[in-house]
Amino acid sequence: MTTPDPATASTAFDLYYLQNGKRFFWRNPNHGVTLIDAGRESAIGWHNEGEAARRLWTDIVSVNMTSATSGKDIVNNCRINFRDGRFLVVTDAGTSGEVDHARTPVYRDFVRALHLRLAQAPAGTIAFNAGASEGRHKVMTVMGVITALFFVGTPLVLVFIVRDWRVLLTLAAGATFVWPFWKVIEANRPRSYDPRFPPGELMD
């Protein structure tokens, strides 16, 4: 996994990534991210349309960790923002964009290794944020309440109206469906964090 060199040492992670906002694809061809330790030339590297690309640690201005769900599984994302406005999003998703559970431990190792390096930067030079923006989180919360009322509140009311306890099965199914959304809403509460302790709930 690590290939040492007299002047440099690189650690490669077989993870998929997105660049500069591209989100819609049938099959993501982009995978393979490398952390390069080379003194002042230390950087993060990847391949851009078949060509090797890299950005120095000093080009990084912020890191934002988030998660998302389709109602079944949770996908974790680590967005790395550069000074020129470009960014790289490394994820534990597979080629289809759905979570690949085999990659989650690799993603966790990547996040910890990245933060271990970036924590050495002078205080205030890199911002570390977790979760969605304030506005987006409010929308997520409202949608979560509406979803919970429909899938949990409605069956609960029906229990007392129809007096049929079999409705509890529907209630249980609704709660099972809603829970991943509430888990993501809570994990994506906007906040800053210490790079020495990246948020574990966004790496599970």
Protein backbone atom coordinates (compact mmCIF):
# COMPACT_ATOMS: atom_id res chain seq x y z
CA MET A 1 0.00 0.00 0.00
CA THR A 2 2.87 2.38 0.79
CA THR A 3 5.80 2.75 -1.64
CA PRO A 4 8.78 4.50 -0.06
CA ASP A 5 11.29 6.50 -2.09
CA PRO A 6 14.60 8.07 -1.01
CA ALA A 7 12.97 11.52 -1.15
CA THR A 8 9.25 10.77 -0.97
CA ALA A 9 6.76 8.33 0.49
CA SER A 10 3.31 7.78 -1.00
CA THR A 11 0.23 6.09 0.40
CA ALA A 12 -2.37 5.05 -2.16
CA PHE A 13 -6.08 4.58 -1.44
CA ASP A 14 -8.38 2.78 -3.88
CA LEU A 15 -11.28 5.19 -3.47
CA TYR A 16 -13.57 6.85 -5.98
CA TYR A 17 -13.73 10.60 -6.31
CA LEU A 18 -15.56 13.43 -8.08
CA GLN A 19 -14.05 16.64 -9.34
CA ASN A 20 -15.43 20.16 -9.41
CA GLY A 21 -19.11 19.37 -9.01
CA LYS A 22 -19.63 16.56 -11.53
CA ARG A 23 -22.34 14.40 -9.96
CA PHE A 24 -24.35 12.61 -12.65
CA PHE A 25 -22.86 9.52 -14.27
CA TRP A 26 -23.77 5.94 -15.10
CA ARG A 27 -20.37 4.69 -14.04
CA ASN A 28 -17.70 6.69 -12.26
CA PRO A 29 -14.31 5.90 -13.84
CA ASN A 30 -12.33 7.98 -11.37
CA HIS A 31 -10.64 6.13 -8.53
CA GLY A 32 -7.26 6.09 -6.89
CA VAL A 33 -6.12 8.85 -4.53
CA THR A 34 -2.58 9.18 -3.17
CA LEU A 35 -1.15 11.11 -0.23
CA ILE A 36 2.40 12.14 -1.07
CA ASP A 37 4.89 12.98 1.69
CA ALA A 38 7.75 15.00 0.24
CA GLY A 39 8.57 17.85 2.58
CA ARG A 40 7.53 21.16 1.03
CA GLU A 41 6.26 19.28 -2.03
CA SER A 42 3.85 17.12 0.00
CA ALA A 43 0.57 16.82 -1.87
CA ILE A 44 -2.54 14.86 -2.71
CA GLY A 45 -2.53 13.15 -6.08
CA TRP A 46 -5.09 11.54 -8.42
CA HIS A 47 -5.66 10.94 -12.13
CA ASN A 48 -7.58 13.44 -14.21
CA GLU A 49 -8.83 11.86 -17.46
CA GLY A 50 -5.86 9.51 -17.50
CA GLU A 51 -3.27 12.13 -16.60
CA ALA A 52 -1.67 12.39 -13.18
CA ALA A 53 -2.72 15.45 -11.15
CA ARG A 54 -1.60 16.71 -7.77
CA ARG A 55 -2.17 19.63 -5.44
CA LEU A 56 0.15 20.72 -2.66
CA TRP A 57 -1.04 20.78 0.95
CA THR A 58 -0.54 24.56 0.80
CA ASP A 59 -3.18 24.74 -1.98
CA ILE A 60 -5.86 23.39 0.37
CA VAL A 61 -8.08 26.01 2.02
CA SER A 62 -10.78 23.85 3.60
CA VAL A 63 -12.08 20.34 4.17
CA ASN A 64 -15.78 19.53 4.49
CA MET A 65 -17.08 16.14 5.64
CA THR A 66 -20.67 15.11 4.91
CA SER A 67 -22.87 12.07 4.45
CA ALA A 68 -25.96 11.29 2.39
CA THR A 69 -28.51 8.49 2.12
CA SER A 70 -31.02 7.11 -0.35
CA GLY A 71 -32.97 5.62 2.56
CA LYS A 72 -31.06 2.36 2.52
CA ASP A 73 -27.34 3.00 2.91
CA ILE A 74 -25.24 5.99 3.92
CA VAL A 75 -22.48 7.34 1.68
CA ASN A 76 -19.69 9.41 3.24
CA ASN A 77 -17.90 12.22 1.43
CA CYS A 78 -14.78 14.26 2.12
CA ARG A 79 -14.59 17.42 0.04
CA ILE A 80 -11.18 19.08 -0.31
CA ASN A 81 -11.34 22.69 -1.49
CA PHE A 82 -8.40 24.40 -3.22
CA ARG A 83 -7.41 28.05 -3.47
CA ASP A 84 -8.49 28.42 -7.10
CA GLY A 85 -12.07 27.33 -6.34
CA ARG A 86 -11.65 23.79 -7.62
CA PHE A 87 -12.30 20.82 -5.36
CA LEU A 88 -12.01 17.07 -5.02
CA VAL A 89 -14.65 14.88 -3.33
CA VAL A 90 -13.37 11.52 -2.08
CA THR A 91 -16.05 9.01 -1.13
CA ASP A 92 -16.66 5.49 0.13
CA ALA A 93 -19.09 4.93 -2.75
CA GLY A 94 -18.35 2.49 -5.53
CA THR A 95 -18.42 3.02 -9.26
CA SER A 96 -22.23 3.45 -9.35
CA GLY A 97 -22.30 6.10 -6.63
CA GLU A 98 -23.88 3.76 -4.10
CA VAL A 99 -21.95 2.92 -0.95
CA ASP A 100 -19.36 0.15 -1.24
CA HIS A 101 -19.06 -1.25 2.29
CA ALA A 102 -15.69 -2.81 1.46
CA ARG A 103 -14.32 0.68 0.80
CA THR A 104 -15.61 2.28 4.01
CA PRO A 105 -12.61 1.11 6.13
CA VAL A 106 -10.28 2.36 3.37
CA TYR A 107 -12.13 5.68 3.36
CA ARG A 108 -11.78 5.90 7.14
CA ASP A 109 -8.03 5.30 6.85
CA PHE A 110 -7.79 7.96 4.14
CA VAL A 111 -9.65 10.58 6.18
CA ARG A 112 -7.51 9.96 9.24
CA ALA A 113 -4.27 10.01 7.23
CA LEU A 114 -5.29 13.22 5.45
CA HIS A 115 -6.20 14.98 8.68
CA LEU A 116 -3.02 13.79 10.38
CA ARG A 117 -1.06 15.64 7.71
CA LEU A 118 -3.24 18.74 7.48
CA ALA A 119 -3.27 19.16 11.26
CA GLN A 120 0.39 20.20 10.91
CA ALA A 121 -0.59 23.34 8.99
CA PRO A 122 -0.42 26.68 10.84
CA ALA A 123 -3.63 27.36 12.79
CA GLY A 124 -6.27 29.13 10.73
CA THR A 125 -4.84 28.34 7.30
CA ILE A 126 -7.24 25.45 6.63
CA ALA A 127 -10.90 25.41 7.73
CA PHE A 128 -12.36 22.08 8.85
CA ASN A 129 -16.15 21.87 8.63
CA ALA A 130 -18.59 19.01 9.08
CA GLY A 131 -22.14 18.80 7.80
CA ALA A 132 -24.31 20.78 5.44
CA SER A 133 -24.77 24.54 5.31
CA GLU A 134 -27.20 26.13 7.77
CA GLY A 135 -29.83 26.63 5.09
CA ARG A 136 -29.56 23.14 3.67
CA HIS A 137 -29.66 21.59 7.11
CA LYS A 138 -32.89 23.45 7.91
CA VAL A 139 -34.44 22.11 4.71
CA MET A 140 -33.25 18.59 5.58
CA THR A 141 -34.80 18.90 9.05
CA VAL A 142 -38.16 20.10 7.68
CA MET A 143 -38.23 17.29 5.13
CA GLY A 144 -37.32 14.82 7.88
CA VAL A 145 -40.22 16.00 10.04
CA ILE A 146 -42.65 15.71 7.12
CA THR A 147 -41.38 12.23 6.30
CA ALA A 148 -41.63 11.12 9.93
CA LEU A 149 -45.19 12.43 10.25
CA PHE A 150 -46.25 10.55 7.13
CA PHE A 151 -44.48 7.22 7.70
CA VAL A 152 -44.63 7.09 11.51
CA GLY A 153 -47.31 9.53 12.64
CA THR A 154 -50.02 8.24 10.28
CA PRO A 155 -49.72 4.55 11.30
CA LEU A 156 -49.64 5.61 14.95
CA VAL A 157 -52.94 7.45 14.59
CA LEU A 158 -54.44 4.50 12.69
CA VAL A 159 -53.63 2.20 15.61
CA PHE A 160 -56.19 4.09 17.75
CA ILE A 161 -58.72 4.53 14.94
CA VAL A 162 -58.97 1.01 13.50
CA ARG A 163 -58.03 -0.76 16.74
CA ASP A 164 -56.00 -3.28 14.77
CA TRP A 165 -52.58 -3.88 16.28
CA ARG A 166 -51.35 -5.23 12.96
CA VAL A 167 -50.98 -1.59 12.00
CA LEU A 168 -47.98 -1.63 14.31
CA LEU A 169 -46.16 -3.59 11.61
CA THR A 170 -46.64 -0.63 9.28
CA LEU A 171 -45.46 1.66 12.06
CA ALA A 172 -42.32 -0.42 12.55
CA ALA A 173 -41.65 -0.43 8.80
CA GLY A 174 -42.11 3.34 8.66
CA ALA A 175 -39.73 3.89 11.57
CA THR A 176 -37.14 1.64 9.89
CA PHE A 177 -37.45 3.67 6.70
CA VAL A 178 -37.21 7.06 8.43
CA TRP A 179 -34.32 6.25 10.79
CA PRO A 180 -31.46 6.49 8.19
CA PHE A 181 -32.69 9.96 7.19
CA TRP A 182 -32.70 11.20 10.78
CA LYS A 183 -29.26 9.70 11.33
CA VAL A 184 -27.94 11.64 8.33
CA ILE A 185 -29.70 14.84 9.42
CA GLU A 186 -28.05 14.68 12.83
CA ALA A 187 -24.63 13.75 11.42
CA ASN A 188 -24.82 16.68 8.98
CA ARG A 189 -25.43 19.29 11.66
CA PRO A 190 -23.19 22.20 10.55
CA ARG A 191 -20.13 22.68 12.74
CA SER A 192 -16.38 23.07 12.71
CA TYR A 193 -14.05 20.45 14.17
CA ASP A 194 -10.48 19.88 15.30
CA PRO A 195 -8.49 18.12 12.51
CA ARG A 196 -6.90 15.94 15.18
CA PHE A 197 -10.36 14.46 15.80
CA PRO A 198 -12.34 14.13 12.54
CA PRO A 199 -16.03 13.33 13.18
CA GLY A 200 -16.43 9.57 13.49
CA GLU A 201 -20.16 9.67 12.66
CA LEU A 202 -19.22 10.81 9.16
CA MET A 203 -16.84 7.90 8.61
CA ASP A 204 -19.05 4.94 9.67
